[in-house]
PDB file of N, CA and C in Angstrom:
ATOM      1  N   MET A   1      55.031 120.848 -63.428  1.00  0.00           N
ATOM      2  CA  MET A   1      55.230 122.146 -62.191  1.00  0.00           C
ATOM      3  C   MET A   1      56.509 121.865 -61.656  1.00  0.00           C
ATOM      4  N   LYS A   2      57.027 123.015 -61.345  1.00  0.00           N
ATOM      5  CA  LYS A   2      58.396 122.927 -60.634  1.00  0.00           C
ATOM      6  C   LYS A   2      58.282 123.150 -59.287  1.00  0.00           C
ATOM      7  N   ASN A   3      59.176 122.963 -58.469  1.00  0.00           N
ATOM      8  CA  ASN A   3      59.337 123.195 -56.896  1.00  0.00           C
ATOM      9  C   ASN A   3      60.592 123.636 -56.824  1.00  0.00           C
ATOM     10  N   TYR A   4      60.674 124.676 -56.007  1.00  0.00           N
ATOM     11  CA  TYR A   4      61.879 125.226 -55.688  1.00  0.00           C
ATOM     12  C   TYR A   4      62.368 125.386 -54.099  1.00  0.00           C
ATOM     13  N   GLU A   5      63.526 125.342 -54.026  1.00  0.00           N
ATOM     14  CA  GLU A   5      63.671 125.302 -52.378  1.00  0.00           C
ATOM     15  C   GLU A   5      63.860 127.057 -52.068  1.00  0.00           C
ATOM     16  N   THR A   6      64.463 127.536 -52.893  1.00  0.00           N
ATOM     17  CA  THR A   6      64.742 129.040 -52.626  1.00  0.00           C
ATOM     18  C   THR A   6      64.134 129.862 -53.468  1.00  0.00           C
ATOM     19  N   LEU A   7      63.937 131.462 -53.346  1.00  0.00           N
ATOM     20  CA  LEU A   7      63.698 132.279 -54.336  1.00  0.00           C
ATOM     21  C   LEU A   7      64.974 132.449 -55.452  1.00  0.00           C
ATOM     22  N   VAL A   8      66.006 132.250 -54.911  1.00  0.00           N
ATOM     23  CA  VAL A   8      67.043 132.393 -55.988  1.00  0.00           C
ATOM     24  C   VAL A   8      67.082 131.319 -56.717  1.00  0.00           C
ATOM     25  N   ASP A   9      66.691 130.031 -56.296  1.00  0.00           N
ATOM     26  CA  ASP A   9      66.400 128.953 -57.394  1.00  0.00           C
ATOM     27  C   ASP A   9      65.726 129.048 -58.356  1.00  0.00           C
ATOM     28  N   ALA A  10      64.375 129.556 -57.999  1.00  0.00           N
ATOM     29  CA  ALA A  10      63.229 130.055 -58.791  1.00  0.00           C
ATOM     30  C   ALA A  10      63.579 130.939 -59.898  1.00  0.00           C
ATOM     31  N   THR A  11      64.110 132.199 -59.436  1.00  0.00           N
ATOM     32  CA  THR A  11      64.676 133.402 -60.370  1.00  0.00           C
ATOM     33  C   THR A  11      65.564 132.913 -61.252  1.00  0.00           C
ATOM     34  N   ASN A  12      66.612 132.131 -60.910  1.00  0.00           N
ATOM     35  CA  ASN A  12      67.682 131.507 -61.933  1.00  0.00           C
ATOM     36  C   ASN A  12      67.085 130.688 -63.129  1.00  0.00           C
ATOM     37  N   ASP A  13      66.180 129.750 -62.338  1.00  0.00           N
ATOM     38  CA  ASP A  13      65.598 129.058 -63.401  1.00  0.00           C
ATOM     39  C   ASP A  13      64.838 129.614 -64.407  1.00  0.00           C
ATOM     40  N   LEU A  14      63.813 130.578 -64.004  1.00  0.00           N
ATOM     41  CA  LEU A  14      63.083 131.368 -64.891  1.00  0.00           C
ATOM     42  C   LEU A  14      63.999 132.385 -65.824  1.00  0.00           C
ATOM     43  N   MET A  15      64.991 132.651 -65.369  1.00  0.00           N
ATOM     44  CA  MET A  15      65.954 133.485 -66.139  1.00  0.00           C
ATOM     45  C   MET A  15      66.338 132.476 -67.293  1.00  0.00           C
ATOM     46  N   LYS A  16      66.713 131.353 -66.873  1.00  0.00           N
ATOM     47  CA  LYS A  16      67.181 130.264 -68.025  1.00  0.00           C
ATOM     48  C   LYS A  16      66.222 129.989 -69.043  1.00  0.00           C
ATOM     49  N   ARG A  17      64.822 130.017 -68.546  1.00  0.00           N
ATOM     50  CA  ARG A  17      63.799 130.004 -69.360  1.00  0.00           C
ATOM     51  C   ARG A  17      63.146 131.228 -70.246  1.00  0.00           C
ATOM     52  N   GLY A  18      63.917 132.277 -70.203  1.00  0.00           N
ATOM     53  CA  GLY A  18      63.794 133.398 -71.080  1.00  0.00           C
ATOM     54  C   GLY A  18      63.023 134.705 -70.319  1.00  0.00           C
ATOM     55  N   TYR A  19      62.849 134.373 -69.122  1.00  0.00           N
ATOM     56  CA  TYR A  19      62.386 135.683 -68.288  1.00  0.00           C
ATOM     57  C   TYR A  19      63.326 136.366 -67.857  1.00  0.00           C
ATOM     58  N   THR A  20      63.770 137.212 -68.589  1.00  0.00           N
ATOM     59  CA  THR A  20      64.958 137.884 -68.431  1.00  0.00           C
ATOM     60  C   THR A  20      64.658 139.429 -67.944  1.00  0.00           C
ATOM     61  N   ALA A  21      63.644 139.995 -68.055  1.00  0.00           N
ATOM     62  CA  ALA A  21      63.589 141.461 -67.728  1.00  0.00           C
ATOM     63  C   ALA A  21      63.186 141.380 -66.342  1.00  0.00           C
ATOM     64  N   ASN A  22      63.873 142.478 -65.358  1.00  0.00           N
ATOM     65  CA  ASN A  22      63.836 142.561 -64.203  1.00  0.00           C
ATOM     66  C   ASN A  22      62.830 143.609 -63.942  1.00  0.00           C
ATOM     67  N   LEU A  23      61.595 143.120 -63.311  1.00  0.00           N
ATOM     68  CA  LEU A  23      60.392 144.043 -63.201  1.00  0.00           C
ATOM     69  C   LEU A  23      60.188 144.486 -62.021  1.00  0.00           C
ATOM     70  N   SER A  24      59.509 145.772 -61.983  1.00  0.00           N
ATOM     71  CA  SER A  24      59.118 146.187 -60.465  1.00  0.00           C
ATOM     72  C   SER A  24      57.915 146.404 -60.300  1.00  0.00           C
ATOM     73  N   LEU A  25      57.100 146.584 -59.225  1.00  0.00           N
ATOM     74  CA  LEU A  25      56.017 147.000 -59.100  1.00  0.00           C
ATOM     75  C   LEU A  25      55.718 148.573 -58.556  1.00  0.00           C
ATOM     76  N   GLU A  26      55.494 149.410 -59.530  1.00  0.00           N
ATOM     77  CA  GLU A  26      55.500 150.990 -59.128  1.00  0.00           C
ATOM     78  C   GLU A  26      54.056 151.471 -59.161  1.00  0.00           C
ATOM     79  N   GLY A  27      53.300 151.553 -58.252  1.00  0.00           N
ATOM     80  CA  GLY A  27      52.010 151.748 -58.055  1.00  0.00           C
ATOM     81  C   GLY A  27      50.917 151.208 -58.900  1.00  0.00           C
ATOM     82  N   ASP A  28      50.520 151.778 -59.907  1.00  0.00           N
ATOM     83  CA  ASP A  28      49.609 151.440 -60.826  1.00  0.00           C
ATOM     84  C   ASP A  28      50.213 150.786 -62.159  1.00  0.00           C
ATOM     85  N   THR A  29      51.433 150.414 -62.044  1.00  0.00           N
ATOM     86  CA  THR A  29      52.080 149.830 -63.336  1.00  0.00           C
ATOM     87  C   THR A  29      53.071 148.761 -62.892  1.00  0.00           C
ATOM     88  N   ILE A  30      53.586 147.869 -63.803  1.00  0.00           N
ATOM     89  CA  ILE A  30      54.703 146.961 -63.623  1.00  0.00           C
ATOM     90  C   ILE A  30      55.660 147.506 -64.581  1.00  0.00           C
ATOM     91  N   ASP A  31      56.939 147.838 -64.273  1.00  0.00           N
ATOM     92  CA  ASP A  31      57.745 148.544 -64.929  1.00  0.00           C
ATOM     93  C   ASP A  31      58.862 147.971 -65.184  1.00  0.00           C
ATOM     94  N   ASP A  32      59.719 147.747 -66.526  1.00  0.00           N
ATOM     95  CA  ASP A  32      60.793 147.334 -66.620  1.00  0.00           C
ATOM     96  C   ASP A  32      61.811 148.489 -67.216  1.00  0.00           C
ATOM     97  N   LYS A  33      62.361 149.109 -66.039  1.00  0.00           N
ATOM     98  CA  LYS A  33      63.154 150.380 -65.957  1.00  0.00           C
ATOM     99  C   LYS A  33      64.276 150.283 -67.079  1.00  0.00           C
ATOM    100  N   ASP A  34      64.915 149.116 -67.480  1.00  0.00           N
ATOM    101  CA  ASP A  34      65.937 149.028 -68.477  1.00  0.00           C
ATOM    102  C   ASP A  34      65.602 149.313 -69.587  1.00  0.00           C
ATOM    103  N   GLN A  35      64.278 149.197 -70.097  1.00  0.00           N
ATOM    104  CA  GLN A  35      63.507 149.455 -71.260  1.00  0.00           C
ATOM    105  C   GLN A  35      62.710 150.622 -71.185  1.00  0.00           C
ATOM    106  N   ASN A  36      62.614 151.169 -70.330  1.00  0.00           N
ATOM    107  CA  ASN A  36      61.419 152.343 -69.976  1.00  0.00           C
ATOM    108  C   ASN A  36      59.959 151.984 -70.206  1.00  0.00           C
ATOM    109  N   ILE A  37      59.557 150.474 -69.812  1.00  0.00           N
ATOM    110  CA  ILE A  37      58.220 150.168 -70.230  1.00  0.00           C
ATOM    111  C   ILE A  37      57.483 150.346 -68.941  1.00  0.00           C
ATOM    112  N   HIS A  38      55.999 150.494 -69.096  1.00  0.00           N
ATOM    113  CA  HIS A  38      55.265 150.678 -67.922  1.00  0.00           C
ATOM    114  C   HIS A  38      53.956 150.112 -68.097  1.00  0.00           C
ATOM    115  N   MET A  39      53.913 148.846 -67.651  1.00  0.00           N
ATOM    116  CA  MET A  39      52.591 148.041 -68.138  1.00  0.00           C
ATOM    117  C   MET A  39      51.468 148.253 -66.986  1.00  0.00           C
ATOM    118  N   THR A  40      50.520 148.356 -67.781  1.00  0.00           N
ATOM    119  CA  THR A  40      49.190 148.114 -66.862  1.00  0.00           C
ATOM    120  C   THR A  40      48.503 146.838 -66.764  1.00  0.00           C
ATOM    121  N   ALA A  41      47.772 146.643 -65.835  1.00  0.00           N
ATOM    122  CA  ALA A  41      47.046 145.187 -65.895  1.00  0.00           C
ATOM    123  C   ALA A  41      46.775 144.604 -67.072  1.00  0.00           C
ATOM    124  N   GLU A  42      46.280 145.401 -68.019  1.00  0.00           N
ATOM    125  CA  GLU A  42      45.759 144.644 -69.458  1.00  0.00           C
ATOM    126  C   GLU A  42      46.940 144.466 -70.258  1.00  0.00           C
ATOM    127  N   ASP A  43      48.070 144.760 -69.963  1.00  0.00           N
ATOM    128  CA  ASP A  43      49.418 144.550 -70.653  1.00  0.00           C
ATOM    129  C   ASP A  43      50.258 143.365 -70.502  1.00  0.00           C
ATOM    130  N   PHE A  44      49.961 142.386 -69.451  1.00  0.00           N
ATOM    131  CA  PHE A  44      50.425 141.411 -69.087  1.00  0.00           C
ATOM    132  C   PHE A  44      49.721 140.391 -68.798  1.00  0.00           C
ATOM    133  N   GLU A  45      50.462 138.965 -68.684  1.00  0.00           N
ATOM    134  CA  GLU A  45      49.733 137.816 -68.151  1.00  0.00           C
ATOM    135  C   GLU A  45      50.869 137.047 -67.067  1.00  0.00           C
ATOM    136  N   ILE A  46      50.081 136.682 -65.978  1.00  0.00           N
ATOM    137  CA  ILE A  46      51.103 135.942 -65.194  1.00  0.00           C
ATOM    138  C   ILE A  46      50.848 134.387 -65.578  1.00  0.00           C
ATOM    139  N   ASP A  47      52.085 133.867 -65.861  1.00  0.00           N
ATOM    140  CA  ASP A  47      52.414 132.529 -66.351  1.00  0.00           C
ATOM    141  C   ASP A  47      52.512 131.326 -65.134  1.00  0.00           C
ATOM    142  N   GLU A  48      53.408 132.090 -64.183  1.00  0.00           N
ATOM    143  CA  GLU A  48      53.607 131.129 -63.220  1.00  0.00           C
ATOM    144  C   GLU A  48      53.796 132.224 -61.907  1.00  0.00           C
ATOM    145  N   PHE A  49      53.750 131.477 -60.638  1.00  0.00           N
ATOM    146  CA  PHE A  49      54.130 132.189 -59.590  1.00  0.00           C
ATOM    147  C   PHE A  49      54.709 131.016 -58.452  1.00  0.00           C
ATOM    148  N   TYR A  50      55.427 131.282 -57.660  1.00  0.00           N
ATOM    149  CA  TYR A  50      56.182 130.586 -56.537  1.00  0.00           C
ATOM    150  C   TYR A  50      56.270 131.408 -55.179  1.00  0.00           C
ATOM    151  N   ARG A  51      55.754 131.094 -54.057  1.00  0.00           N
ATOM    152  CA  ARG A  51      55.613 131.666 -52.943  1.00  0.00           C
ATOM    153  C   ARG A  51      56.960 131.024 -51.956  1.00  0.00           C
ATOM    154  N   PHE A  52      57.417 131.892 -51.301  1.00  0.00           N
ATOM    155  CA  PHE A  52      58.209 131.572 -50.439  1.00  0.00           C
ATOM    156  C   PHE A  52      58.388 132.190 -48.896  1.00  0.00           C
ATOM    157  N   GLU A  53      58.709 131.395 -48.026  1.00  0.00           N
ATOM    158  CA  GLU A  53      58.678 132.154 -46.342  1.00  0.00           C
ATOM    159  C   GLU A  53      60.138 132.131 -46.130  1.00  0.00           C
ATOM    160  N   GLY A  54      60.493 133.160 -45.409  1.00  0.00           N
ATOM    161  CA  GLY A  54      61.797 133.063 -44.922  1.00  0.00           C
ATOM    162  C   GLY A  54      62.077 132.036 -43.929  1.00  0.00           C
ATOM    163  N   ALA A  55      63.302 131.616 -43.828  1.00  0.00           N
ATOM    164  CA  ALA A  55      63.582 130.404 -43.042  1.00  0.00           C
ATOM    165  C   ALA A  55      63.668 130.786 -41.508  1.00  0.00           C
ATOM    166  N   SER A  56      64.002 131.861 -41.303  1.00  0.00           N
ATOM    167  CA  SER A  56      63.862 132.313 -39.704  1.00  0.00           C
ATOM    168  C   SER A  56      62.781 133.204 -39.350  1.00  0.00           C
ATOM    169  N   ASN A  57      61.888 133.790 -40.182  1.00  0.00           N
ATOM    170  CA  ASN A  57      61.037 134.512 -39.948  1.00  0.00           C
ATOM    171  C   ASN A  57      59.752 134.309 -41.059  1.00  0.00           C
ATOM    172  N   PRO A  58      58.553 133.518 -40.505  1.00  0.00           N
ATOM    173  CA  PRO A  58      57.423 133.353 -41.439  1.00  0.00           C
ATOM    174  C   PRO A  58      56.868 134.754 -42.023  1.00  0.00           C
ATOM    175  N   ALA A  59      57.026 135.820 -41.454  1.00  0.00           N
ATOM    176  CA  ALA A  59      56.378 137.127 -41.709  1.00  0.00           C
ATOM    177  C   ALA A  59      57.132 137.532 -42.838  1.00  0.00           C
ATOM    178  N   ASP A  60      58.476 136.991 -43.223  1.00  0.00           N
ATOM    179  CA  ASP A  60      59.290 137.409 -44.187  1.00  0.00           C
ATOM    180  C   ASP A  60      59.046 136.592 -45.487  1.00  0.00           C
ATOM    181  N   MET A  61      57.820 136.813 -46.390  1.00  0.00           N
ATOM    182  CA  MET A  61      57.307 136.101 -47.277  1.00  0.00           C
ATOM    183  C   MET A  61      57.367 136.925 -48.582  1.00  0.00           C
ATOM    184  N   SER A  62      57.808 136.072 -49.667  1.00  0.00           N
ATOM    185  CA  SER A  62      57.822 136.880 -50.917  1.00  0.00           C
ATOM    186  C   SER A  62      56.978 135.996 -52.102  1.00  0.00           C
ATOM    187  N   ILE A  63      56.679 136.347 -53.075  1.00  0.00           N
ATOM    188  CA  ILE A  63      56.281 135.673 -54.300  1.00  0.00           C
ATOM    189  C   ILE A  63      56.804 136.054 -55.645  1.00  0.00           C
ATOM    190  N   VAL A  64      57.192 135.211 -56.464  1.00  0.00           N
ATOM    191  CA  VAL A  64      57.945 135.403 -57.597  1.00  0.00           C
ATOM    192  C   VAL A  64      56.726 135.052 -58.962  1.00  0.00           C
ATOM    193  N   TYR A  65      56.715 136.159 -59.558  1.00  0.00           N
ATOM    194  CA  TYR A  65      55.805 136.033 -60.718  1.00  0.00           C
ATOM    195  C   TYR A  65      56.638 135.941 -62.074  1.00  0.00           C
ATOM    196  N   ALA A  66      56.340 134.957 -62.663  1.00  0.00           N
ATOM    197  CA  ALA A  66      56.952 135.171 -64.351  1.00  0.00           C
ATOM    198  C   ALA A  66      55.660 135.639 -64.947  1.00  0.00           C
ATOM    199  N   VAL A  67      56.246 136.574 -65.672  1.00  0.00           N
ATOM    200  CA  VAL A  67      55.212 137.501 -66.221  1.00  0.00           C
ATOM    201  C   VAL A  67      55.550 137.740 -67.924  1.00  0.00           C
ATOM    202  N   THR A  68      54.524 137.667 -68.781  1.00  0.00           N
ATOM    203  CA  THR A  68      54.656 137.807 -70.127  1.00  0.00           C
ATOM    204  C   THR A  68      53.952 138.800 -70.484  1.00  0.00           C
ATOM    205  N   SER A  69      54.518 139.856 -71.625  1.00  0.00           N
ATOM    206  CA  SER A  69      53.633 140.735 -72.399  1.00  0.00           C
ATOM    207  C   SER A  69      53.832 140.582 -73.700  1.00  0.00           C
ATOM    208  N   PRO A  70      52.696 140.235 -74.505  1.00  0.00           N
ATOM    209  CA  PRO A  70      52.737 140.063 -75.794  1.00  0.00           C
ATOM    210  C   PRO A  70      52.927 141.355 -76.528  1.00  0.00           C
ATOM    211  N   LYS A  71      52.352 142.435 -76.050  1.00  0.00           N
ATOM    212  CA  LYS A  71      52.110 143.759 -76.199  1.00  0.00           C
ATOM    213  C   LYS A  71      53.681 144.412 -76.437  1.00  0.00           C
ATOM    214  N   TYR A  72      54.471 144.240 -75.508  1.00  0.00           N
ATOM    215  CA  TYR A  72      55.759 144.646 -75.265  1.00  0.00           C
ATOM    216  C   TYR A  72      56.983 143.447 -75.790  1.00  0.00           C
ATOM    217  N   ASP A  73      56.420 142.440 -76.058  1.00  0.00           N
ATOM    218  CA  ASP A  73      57.140 141.088 -76.312  1.00  0.00           C
ATOM    219  C   ASP A  73      58.343 141.150 -75.220  1.00  0.00           C
ATOM    220  N   LEU A  74      57.951 140.858 -74.096  1.00  0.00           N
ATOM    221  CA  LEU A  74      58.638 140.798 -72.859  1.00  0.00           C
ATOM    222  C   LEU A  74      58.142 139.539 -72.207  1.00  0.00           C
ATOM    223  N   LYS A  75      59.443 139.157 -71.445  1.00  0.00           N
ATOM    224  CA  LYS A  75      59.085 138.023 -70.700  1.00  0.00           C
ATOM    225  C   LYS A  75      60.136 138.362 -69.190  1.00  0.00           C
ATOM    226  N   GLY A  76      59.542 138.524 -68.166  1.00  0.00           N
ATOM    227  CA  GLY A  76      60.269 138.836 -66.869  1.00  0.00           C
ATOM    228  C   GLY A  76      60.049 138.559 -65.548  1.00  0.00           C
ATOM    229  N   ILE A  77      60.465 138.811 -64.671  1.00  0.00           N
ATOM    230  CA  ILE A  77      60.479 138.178 -63.458  1.00  0.00           C
ATOM    231  C   ILE A  77      60.012 139.521 -62.355  1.00  0.00           C
ATOM    232  N   LEU A  78      58.891 139.372 -61.456  1.00  0.00           N
ATOM    233  CA  LEU A  78      58.587 140.411 -60.372  1.00  0.00           C
ATOM    234  C   LEU A  78      58.737 139.718 -59.268  1.00  0.00           C
ATOM    235  N   VAL A  79      59.442 140.252 -58.351  1.00  0.00           N
ATOM    236  CA  VAL A  79      59.422 139.593 -56.896  1.00  0.00           C
ATOM    237  C   VAL A  79      58.453 140.766 -55.980  1.00  0.00           C
ATOM    238  N   ASN A  80      57.659 139.960 -55.367  1.00  0.00           N
ATOM    239  CA  ASN A  80      56.898 140.988 -54.367  1.00  0.00           C
ATOM    240  C   ASN A  80      56.447 140.396 -52.998  1.00  0.00           C
ATOM    241  N   ALA A  81      56.468 141.302 -51.923  1.00  0.00           N
ATOM    242  CA  ALA A  81      56.184 140.683 -50.976  1.00  0.00           C
ATOM    243  C   ALA A  81      54.523 140.359 -50.797  1.00  0.00           C
ATOM    244  N   TYR A  82      54.366 139.213 -49.974  1.00  0.00           N
ATOM    245  CA  TYR A  82      52.858 138.867 -49.446  1.00  0.00           C
ATOM    246  C   TYR A  82      52.879 138.658 -48.128  1.00  0.00           C
ATOM    247  N   GLY A  83      51.647 138.712 -47.663  1.00  0.00           N
ATOM    248  CA  GLY A  83      51.534 138.346 -46.160  1.00  0.00           C
ATOM    249  C   GLY A  83      51.606 139.962 -45.460  1.00  0.00           C
ATOM    250  N   THR A  84      52.397 139.802 -44.180  1.00  0.00           N
ATOM    251  CA  THR A  84      52.573 140.828 -43.453  1.00  0.00           C
ATOM    252  C   THR A  84      52.902 142.077 -44.355  1.00  0.00           C
ATOM    253  N   TYR A  85      53.984 141.826 -44.939  1.00  0.00           N
ATOM    254  CA  TYR A  85      54.501 143.334 -45.755  1.00  0.00           C
ATOM    255  C   TYR A  85      53.908 143.604 -47.044  1.00  0.00           C
ATOM    256  N   ALA A  86      53.055 142.840 -47.469  1.00  0.00           N
ATOM    257  CA  ALA A  86      52.437 143.262 -48.682  1.00  0.00           C
ATOM    258  C   ALA A  86      51.868 144.544 -48.940  1.00  0.00           C
ATOM    259  N   ASN A  87      51.729 144.954 -50.487  1.00  0.00           N
ATOM    260  CA  ASN A  87      51.358 146.274 -50.289  1.00  0.00           C
ATOM    261  C   ASN A  87      49.983 145.918 -50.678  1.00  0.00           C
ATOM    262  N   ASP A  88      49.277 147.023 -49.816  1.00  0.00           N
ATOM    263  CA  ASP A  88      47.668 146.427 -50.031  1.00  0.00           C
ATOM    264  C   ASP A  88      46.835 147.637 -50.892  1.00  0.00           C
ATOM    265  N   SER A  89      47.740 148.157 -51.836  1.00  0.00           N
ATOM    266  CA  SER A  89      46.912 148.777 -52.630  1.00  0.00           C
ATOM    267  C   SER A  89      45.789 148.267 -53.506  1.00  0.00           C
ATOM    268  N   SER A  90      45.009 149.313 -53.651  1.00  0.00           N
ATOM    269  CA  SER A  90      43.593 148.672 -54.577  1.00  0.00           C
ATOM    270  C   SER A  90      43.976 148.845 -55.906  1.00  0.00           C
ATOM    271  N   SER A  91      45.113 149.176 -56.490  1.00  0.00           N
ATOM    272  CA  SER A  91      45.176 149.353 -57.970  1.00  0.00           C
ATOM    273  C   SER A  91      44.915 148.123 -58.729  1.00  0.00           C
ATOM    274  N   ALA A  92      44.539 148.128 -59.936  1.00  0.00           N
ATOM    275  CA  ALA A  92      44.165 146.939 -61.023  1.00  0.00           C
ATOM    276  C   ALA A  92      45.474 146.008 -60.899  1.00  0.00           C
ATOM    277  N   ILE A  93      46.521 146.641 -60.873  1.00  0.00           N
ATOM    278  CA  ILE A  93      47.609 145.622 -60.688  1.00  0.00           C
ATOM    279  C   ILE A  93      47.765 144.680 -59.538  1.00  0.00           C
ATOM    280  N   GLU A  94      47.601 145.494 -58.374  1.00  0.00           N
ATOM    281  CA  GLU A  94      47.596 144.620 -57.150  1.00  0.00           C
ATOM    282  C   GLU A  94      46.371 143.447 -57.246  1.00  0.00           C
ATOM    283  N   ALA A  95      45.132 143.723 -57.905  1.00  0.00           N
ATOM    284  CA  ALA A  95      44.165 143.040 -57.998  1.00  0.00           C
ATOM    285  C   ALA A  95      44.290 141.890 -58.950  1.00  0.00           C
ATOM    286  N   LYS A  96      45.195 142.028 -59.672  1.00  0.00           N
ATOM    287  CA  LYS A  96      45.394 140.807 -60.713  1.00  0.00           C
ATOM    288  C   LYS A  96      46.329 139.933 -60.083  1.00  0.00           C
ATOM    289  N   LEU A  97      47.490 140.586 -59.453  1.00  0.00           N
ATOM    290  CA  LEU A  97      48.397 139.791 -58.729  1.00  0.00           C
ATOM    291  C   LEU A  97      47.753 138.756 -57.399  1.00  0.00           C
ATOM    292  N   HIS A  98      47.036 139.739 -56.822  1.00  0.00           N
ATOM    293  CA  HIS A  98      46.012 139.239 -55.617  1.00  0.00           C
ATOM    294  C   HIS A  98      45.508 137.695 -56.223  1.00  0.00           C
ATOM    295  N   HIS A  99      44.688 138.017 -57.170  1.00  0.00           N
ATOM    296  CA  HIS A  99      43.771 136.851 -57.577  1.00  0.00           C
ATOM    297  C   HIS A  99      44.482 135.892 -58.028  1.00  0.00           C
ATOM    298  N   HIS A 100      45.803 135.821 -58.518  1.00  0.00           N
ATOM    299  CA  HIS A 100      46.447 134.818 -58.894  1.00  0.00           C
ATOM    300  C   HIS A 100      46.730 134.055 -57.569  1.00  0.00           C
ATOM    301  N   GLN A 101      47.230 134.889 -56.575  1.00  0.00           N
ATOM    302  CA  GLN A 101      47.885 134.340 -55.186  1.00  0.00           C
ATOM    303  C   GLN A 101      46.800 133.581 -54.637  1.00  0.00           C
ATOM    304  N   VAL A 102      45.445 133.719 -54.800  1.00  0.00           N
ATOM    305  CA  VAL A 102      44.423 133.015 -53.868  1.00  0.00           C
ATOM    306  C   VAL A 102      43.433 132.228 -54.705  1.00  0.00           C
ATOM    307  N   SER A 103      43.416 132.540 -56.012  1.00  0.00           N
ATOM    308  CA  SER A 103      42.704 131.439 -56.823  1.00  0.00           C
ATOM    309  C   SER A 103      43.344 130.111 -57.171  1.00  0.00           C
ATOM    310  N   ASP A 104      44.662 129.868 -57.019  1.00  0.00           N
ATOM    311  CA  ASP A 104      44.983 128.597 -57.508  1.00  0.00           C
ATOM    312  C   ASP A 104      45.887 127.987 -56.276  1.00  0.00           C
ATOM    313  N   ASN A 105      45.698 126.810 -56.046  1.00  0.00           N
ATOM    314  CA  ASN A 105      46.322 126.145 -55.102  1.00  0.00           C
ATOM    315  C   ASN A 105      47.599 125.524 -55.057  1.00  0.00           C
ATOM    316  N   LEU A 106      48.070 125.528 -56.435  1.00  0.00           N
ATOM    317  CA  LEU A 106      49.421 124.962 -56.543  1.00  0.00           C
ATOM    318  C   LEU A 106      50.429 126.045 -57.484  1.00  0.00           C
ATOM    319  N   HIS A 107      51.578 125.937 -56.722  1.00  0.00           N
ATOM    320  CA  HIS A 107      52.507 127.005 -57.300  1.00  0.00           C
ATOM    321  C   HIS A 107      52.803 126.729 -58.810  1.00  0.00           C
ATOM    322  N   GLY A 108      52.664 127.581 -59.749  1.00  0.00           N
ATOM    323  CA  GLY A 108      53.342 127.451 -61.319  1.00  0.00           C
ATOM    324  C   GLY A 108      52.297 126.417 -61.689  1.00  0.00           C
ATOM    325  N   GLU A 109      51.184 126.109 -61.297  1.00  0.00           N
ATOM    326  CA  GLU A 109      50.132 125.082 -62.277  1.00  0.00           C
ATOM    327  C   GLU A 109      49.985 125.805 -63.470  1.00  0.00           C
ATOM    328  N   ASP A 110      49.899 125.140 -64.621  1.00  0.00           N
ATOM    329  CA  ASP A 110      49.460 125.356 -65.729  1.00  0.00           C
ATOM    330  C   ASP A 110      48.141 125.790 -65.841  1.00  0.00           C
ATOM    331  N   ARG A 111      47.719 126.897 -66.019  1.00  0.00           N
ATOM    332  CA  ARG A 111      46.266 127.351 -66.242  1.00  0.00           C
ATOM    333  C   ARG A 111      45.857 127.637 -67.690  1.00  0.00           C
ATOM    334  N   PRO A 112      44.463 127.569 -67.740  1.00  0.00           N
ATOM    335  CA  PRO A 112      44.193 128.053 -69.197  1.00  0.00           C
ATOM    336  C   PRO A 112      44.220 129.616 -69.315  1.00  0.00           C
ATOM    337  N   LYS A 113      44.398 130.288 -70.172  1.00  0.00           N
ATOM    338  CA  LYS A 113      44.351 131.854 -70.237  1.00  0.00           C
ATOM    339  C   LYS A 113      42.942 132.153 -70.478  1.00  0.00           C
ATOM    340  N   ALA A 114      42.648 133.355 -69.919  1.00  0.00           N
ATOM    341  CA  ALA A 114      41.283 133.928 -70.067  1.00  0.00           C
ATOM    342  C   ALA A 114      41.122 134.709 -71.434  1.00  0.00           C
TER     343      ALA A 114
END
């Protein structure tokens, strides 16, 4: 299990470990715009996640996901807000991301794959 001081430390380490795709949440998909890939909730797994609060403002919270997609042979990083600024969409993507946020007590803990 890794512990990171900052969001930048987490993303830099994940990139060194092969999570190189820059992913973004776009409504009902997670996208790798460089490769024109649009993943649905069934297309990826969350390997690890790390939460961070802003030093000056606890409402400024982000979560970093290490994402793998065997379907697209892709490993990438998704940074998303949580807490006050989180997207409260009811999409399957948001449900999957939210499930990992609340179901695991430890950041980045290895979990058995479903």
